[in-house]
Amino acid sequence: MLQIILPIIFLIFGLFLKKTNHPGFRSSKRFSTMFIILGISTLTAKFILMYLASK
């Protein structure tokens, strides 16, 4: 379950970094794309592994 929740948190945090205008997060905006890609790739890999394990 943690393997599904953690990528979703990465996606939400990446989208938050991309959309926020808070001055404290201004230096971290360049990491937003990395978090989004990491979340999508991890979530996709987990679903593929779950599908392969069910066969």
PDB file of N, CA and C in Angstrom:
ATOM      1  N   MET A   1       0.821  -1.190   0.000  1.00  0.00           N
ATOM      2  CA  MET A   1       0.000   0.000   0.000  1.00  0.00           C
ATOM      3  C   MET A   1       0.869   1.258   0.000  1.00  0.00           C
ATOM      4  N   LEU A   2       1.991   1.188   0.685  1.00  0.00           N
ATOM      5  CA  LEU A   2       2.907   2.332   0.721  1.00  0.00           C
ATOM      6  C   LEU A   2       3.468   2.630  -0.663  1.00  0.00           C
ATOM      7  N   GLN A   3       3.622   1.578  -1.481  1.00  0.00           N
ATOM      8  CA  GLN A   3       4.167   1.763  -2.823  1.00  0.00           C
ATOM      9  C   GLN A   3       3.189   2.493  -3.735  1.00  0.00           C
ATOM     10  N   ILE A   4       1.939   2.581  -3.368  1.00  0.00           N
ATOM     11  CA  ILE A   4       0.962   3.320  -4.161  1.00  0.00           C
ATOM     12  C   ILE A   4       0.753   4.723  -3.584  1.00  0.00           C
ATOM     13  N   ILE A   5       0.774   4.833  -2.275  1.00  0.00           N
ATOM     14  CA  ILE A   5       0.536   6.125  -1.627  1.00  0.00           C
ATOM     15  C   ILE A   5       1.710   7.082  -1.836  1.00  0.00           C
ATOM     16  N   LEU A   6       2.928   6.600  -1.745  1.00  0.00           N
ATOM     17  CA  LEU A   6       4.101   7.460  -1.871  1.00  0.00           C
ATOM     18  C   LEU A   6       4.215   8.128  -3.245  1.00  0.00           C
ATOM     19  N   PRO A   7       4.009   7.430  -4.374  1.00  0.00           N
ATOM     20  CA  PRO A   7       4.035   8.132  -5.663  1.00  0.00           C
ATOM     21  C   PRO A   7       2.930   9.168  -5.810  1.00  0.00           C
ATOM     22  N   ILE A   8       1.773   8.906  -5.202  1.00  0.00           N
ATOM     23  CA  ILE A   8       0.692   9.891  -5.257  1.00  0.00           C
ATOM     24  C   ILE A   8       1.084  11.140  -4.472  1.00  0.00           C
ATOM     25  N   ILE A   9       1.762  10.953  -3.346  1.00  0.00           N
ATOM     26  CA  ILE A   9       2.258  12.093  -2.570  1.00  0.00           C
ATOM     27  C   ILE A   9       3.305  12.866  -3.375  1.00  0.00           C
ATOM     28  N   PHE A  10       4.187  12.148  -4.082  1.00  0.00           N
ATOM     29  CA  PHE A  10       5.178  12.815  -4.939  1.00  0.00           C
ATOM     30  C   PHE A  10       4.488  13.646  -6.018  1.00  0.00           C
ATOM     31  N   LEU A  11       3.454  13.088  -6.637  1.00  0.00           N
ATOM     32  CA  LEU A  11       2.721  13.824  -7.668  1.00  0.00           C
ATOM     33  C   LEU A  11       2.063  15.080  -7.101  1.00  0.00           C
ATOM     34  N   ILE A  12       1.412  14.935  -5.968  1.00  0.00           N
ATOM     35  CA  ILE A  12       0.737  16.082  -5.354  1.00  0.00           C
ATOM     36  C   ILE A  12       1.742  17.153  -4.952  1.00  0.00           C
ATOM     37  N   PHE A  13       2.870  16.736  -4.386  1.00  0.00           N
ATOM     38  CA  PHE A  13       3.880  17.709  -3.979  1.00  0.00           C
ATOM     39  C   PHE A  13       4.512  18.386  -5.194  1.00  0.00           C
ATOM     40  N   GLY A  14       4.733  17.639  -6.271  1.00  0.00           N
ATOM     41  CA  GLY A  14       5.276  18.236  -7.496  1.00  0.00           C
ATOM     42  C   GLY A  14       4.326  19.254  -8.089  1.00  0.00           C
ATOM     43  N   LEU A  15       3.034  18.927  -8.111  1.00  0.00           N
ATOM     44  CA  LEU A  15       2.052  19.883  -8.612  1.00  0.00           C
ATOM     45  C   LEU A  15       1.946  21.101  -7.700  1.00  0.00           C
ATOM     46  N   PHE A  16       2.065  20.875  -6.395  1.00  0.00           N
ATOM     47  CA  PHE A  16       2.051  21.992  -5.451  1.00  0.00           C
ATOM     48  C   PHE A  16       3.235  22.928  -5.700  1.00  0.00           C
ATOM     49  N   LEU A  17       4.432  22.351  -5.906  1.00  0.00           N
ATOM     50  CA  LEU A  17       5.601  23.189  -6.164  1.00  0.00           C
ATOM     51  C   LEU A  17       5.460  23.974  -7.460  1.00  0.00           C
ATOM     52  N   LYS A  18       4.843  23.368  -8.459  1.00  0.00           N
ATOM     53  CA  LYS A  18       4.681  24.035  -9.747  1.00  0.00           C
ATOM     54  C   LYS A  18       3.696  25.197  -9.659  1.00  0.00           C
ATOM     55  N   LYS A  19       2.645  25.055  -8.842  1.00  0.00           N
ATOM     56  CA  LYS A  19       1.576  26.059  -8.795  1.00  0.00           C
ATOM     57  C   LYS A  19       1.758  27.127  -7.724  1.00  0.00           C
ATOM     58  N   THR A  20       2.597  26.884  -6.724  1.00  0.00           N
ATOM     59  CA  THR A  20       2.669  27.801  -5.593  1.00  0.00           C
ATOM     60  C   THR A  20       3.428  29.089  -5.944  1.00  0.00           C
ATOM     61  N   ASN A  21       3.051  30.149  -5.258  1.00  0.00           N
ATOM     62  CA  ASN A  21       3.744  31.434  -5.395  1.00  0.00           C
ATOM     63  C   ASN A  21       4.399  31.837  -4.079  1.00  0.00           C
ATOM     64  N   HIS A  22       4.453  30.918  -3.139  1.00  0.00           N
ATOM     65  CA  HIS A  22       5.038  31.196  -1.828  1.00  0.00           C
ATOM     66  C   HIS A  22       6.535  31.455  -1.985  1.00  0.00           C
ATOM     67  N   PRO A  23       7.059  32.522  -1.380  1.00  0.00           N
ATOM     68  CA  PRO A  23       8.479  32.846  -1.552  1.00  0.00           C
ATOM     69  C   PRO A  23       9.432  31.805  -0.960  1.00  0.00           C
ATOM     70  N   GLY A  24       8.986  31.021  -0.002  1.00  0.00           N
ATOM     71  CA  GLY A  24       9.850  30.005   0.593  1.00  0.00           C
ATOM     72  C   GLY A  24      10.124  28.839  -0.339  1.00  0.00           C
ATOM     73  N   PHE A  25       9.214  28.589  -1.265  1.00  0.00           N
ATOM     74  CA  PHE A  25       9.368  27.475  -2.198  1.00  0.00           C
ATOM     75  C   PHE A  25       9.938  27.916  -3.539  1.00  0.00           C
ATOM     76  N   ARG A  26      10.282  29.172  -3.684  1.00  0.00           N
ATOM     77  CA  ARG A  26      10.742  29.695  -4.966  1.00  0.00           C
ATOM     78  C   ARG A  26      12.007  28.994  -5.457  1.00  0.00           C
ATOM     79  N   SER A  27      12.908  28.638  -4.543  1.00  0.00           N
ATOM     80  CA  SER A  27      14.154  27.980  -4.958  1.00  0.00           C
ATOM     81  C   SER A  27      13.941  26.501  -5.273  1.00  0.00           C
ATOM     82  N   SER A  28      12.809  25.939  -4.872  1.00  0.00           N
ATOM     83  CA  SER A  28      12.534  24.514  -5.097  1.00  0.00           C
ATOM     84  C   SER A  28      11.641  24.258  -6.303  1.00  0.00           C
ATOM     85  N   LYS A  29      11.256  25.290  -7.043  1.00  0.00           N
ATOM     86  CA  LYS A  29      10.365  25.110  -8.178  1.00  0.00           C
ATOM     87  C   LYS A  29      10.977  24.229  -9.258  1.00  0.00           C
ATOM     88  N   ARG A  30      12.283  24.224  -9.399  1.00  0.00           N
ATOM     89  CA  ARG A  30      12.912  23.410 -10.452  1.00  0.00           C
ATOM     90  C   ARG A  30      12.812  21.917 -10.150  1.00  0.00           C
ATOM     91  N   PHE A  31      12.540  21.550  -8.908  1.00  0.00           N
ATOM     92  CA  PHE A  31      12.393  20.144  -8.545  1.00  0.00           C
ATOM     93  C   PHE A  31      10.979  19.622  -8.801  1.00  0.00           C
ATOM     94  N   SER A  32      10.048  20.499  -9.160  1.00  0.00           N
ATOM     95  CA  SER A  32       8.668  20.067  -9.355  1.00  0.00           C
ATOM     96  C   SER A  32       8.549  19.050 -10.478  1.00  0.00           C
ATOM     97  N   THR A  33       9.246  19.262 -11.574  1.00  0.00           N
ATOM     98  CA  THR A  33       9.203  18.324 -12.690  1.00  0.00           C
ATOM     99  C   THR A  33       9.783  16.976 -12.283  1.00  0.00           C
ATOM    100  N   MET A  34      10.847  16.989 -11.496  1.00  0.00           N
ATOM    101  CA  MET A  34      11.459  15.744 -11.049  1.00  0.00           C
ATOM    102  C   MET A  34      10.484  14.948 -10.180  1.00  0.00           C
ATOM    103  N   PHE A  35       9.776  15.610  -9.280  1.00  0.00           N
ATOM    104  CA  PHE A  35       8.815  14.924  -8.423  1.00  0.00           C
ATOM    105  C   PHE A  35       7.648  14.357  -9.226  1.00  0.00           C
ATOM    106  N   ILE A  36       7.190  15.098 -10.229  1.00  0.00           N
ATOM    107  CA  ILE A  36       6.087  14.629 -11.059  1.00  0.00           C
ATOM    108  C   ILE A  36       6.508  13.401 -11.862  1.00  0.00           C
ATOM    109  N   ILE A  37       7.682  13.445 -12.484  1.00  0.00           N
ATOM    110  CA  ILE A  37       8.179  12.304 -13.253  1.00  0.00           C
ATOM    111  C   ILE A  37       8.427  11.109 -12.340  1.00  0.00           C
ATOM    112  N   LEU A  38       8.997  11.342 -11.174  1.00  0.00           N
ATOM    113  CA  LEU A  38       9.251  10.258 -10.232  1.00  0.00           C
ATOM    114  C   LEU A  38       7.946   9.601  -9.774  1.00  0.00           C
ATOM    115  N   GLY A  39       6.936  10.395  -9.494  1.00  0.00           N
ATOM    116  CA  GLY A  39       5.658   9.853  -9.065  1.00  0.00           C
ATOM    117  C   GLY A  39       4.980   9.046 -10.151  1.00  0.00           C
ATOM    118  N   ILE A  40       4.971   9.565 -11.379  1.00  0.00           N
ATOM    119  CA  ILE A  40       4.332   8.856 -12.486  1.00  0.00           C
ATOM    120  C   ILE A  40       5.061   7.556 -12.793  1.00  0.00           C
ATOM    121  N   SER A  41       6.380   7.600 -12.855  1.00  0.00           N
ATOM    122  CA  SER A  41       7.135   6.392 -13.202  1.00  0.00           C
ATOM    123  C   SER A  41       7.028   5.330 -12.106  1.00  0.00           C
ATOM    124  N   THR A  42       7.067   5.732 -10.852  1.00  0.00           N
ATOM    125  CA  THR A  42       6.955   4.771  -9.763  1.00  0.00           C
ATOM    126  C   THR A  42       5.557   4.152  -9.711  1.00  0.00           C
ATOM    127  N   LEU A  43       4.541   4.966  -9.910  1.00  0.00           N
ATOM    128  CA  LEU A  43       3.168   4.461  -9.895  1.00  0.00           C
ATOM    129  C   LEU A  43       2.927   3.507 -11.072  1.00  0.00           C
ATOM    130  N   THR A  44       3.434   3.854 -12.244  1.00  0.00           N
ATOM    131  CA  THR A  44       3.295   2.989 -13.409  1.00  0.00           C
ATOM    132  C   THR A  44       4.017   1.668 -13.197  1.00  0.00           C
ATOM    133  N   ALA A  45       5.229   1.721 -12.675  1.00  0.00           N
ATOM    134  CA  ALA A  45       5.995   0.498 -12.426  1.00  0.00           C
ATOM    135  C   ALA A  45       5.293  -0.394 -11.404  1.00  0.00           C
ATOM    136  N   LYS A  46       4.705   0.195 -10.376  1.00  0.00           N
ATOM    137  CA  LYS A  46       4.002  -0.596  -9.370  1.00  0.00           C
ATOM    138  C   LYS A  46       2.783  -1.288  -9.966  1.00  0.00           C
ATOM    139  N   PHE A  47       2.029  -0.575 -10.818  1.00  0.00           N
ATOM    140  CA  PHE A  47       0.873  -1.193 -11.450  1.00  0.00           C
ATOM    141  C   PHE A  47       1.291  -2.310 -12.401  1.00  0.00           C
ATOM    142  N   ILE A  48       2.390  -2.136 -13.110  1.00  0.00           N
ATOM    143  CA  ILE A  48       2.896  -3.190 -13.994  1.00  0.00           C
ATOM    144  C   ILE A  48       3.317  -4.406 -13.178  1.00  0.00           C
ATOM    145  N   LEU A  49       4.017  -4.192 -12.080  1.00  0.00           N
ATOM    146  CA  LEU A  49       4.427  -5.302 -11.246  1.00  0.00           C
ATOM    147  C   LEU A  49       3.233  -6.014 -10.614  1.00  0.00           C
ATOM    148  N   MET A  50       2.204  -5.275 -10.220  1.00  0.00           N
ATOM    149  CA  MET A  50       1.009  -5.893  -9.679  1.00  0.00           C
ATOM    150  C   MET A  50       0.305  -6.728 -10.749  1.00  0.00           C
ATOM    151  N   TYR A  51       0.281  -6.247 -11.977  1.00  0.00           N
ATOM    152  CA  TYR A  51      -0.347  -6.986 -13.069  1.00  0.00           C
ATOM    153  C   TYR A  51       0.434  -8.265 -13.375  1.00  0.00           C
ATOM    154  N   LEU A  52       1.748  -8.166 -13.414  1.00  0.00           N
ATOM    155  CA  LEU A  52       2.567  -9.346 -13.694  1.00  0.00           C
ATOM    156  C   LEU A  52       2.487 -10.376 -12.570  1.00  0.00           C
ATOM    157  N   ALA A  53       2.356  -9.939 -11.351  1.00  0.00           N
ATOM    158  CA  ALA A  53       2.245 -10.862 -10.217  1.00  0.00           C
ATOM    159  C   ALA A  53       0.887 -11.570 -10.194  1.00  0.00           C
ATOM    160  N   SER A  54      -0.122 -10.951 -10.775  1.00  0.00           N
ATOM    161  CA  SER A  54      -1.445 -11.565 -10.764  1.00  0.00           C
ATOM    162  C   SER A  54      -1.611 -12.642 -11.835  1.00  0.00           C
ATOM    163  N   LYS A  55      -0.708 -12.692 -12.774  1.00  0.00           N
ATOM    164  CA  LYS A  55      -0.813 -13.703 -13.852  1.00  0.00           C
ATOM    165  C   LYS A  55      -0.355 -15.045 -13.417  1.00  0.00           C
TER     166      LYS A  55
END
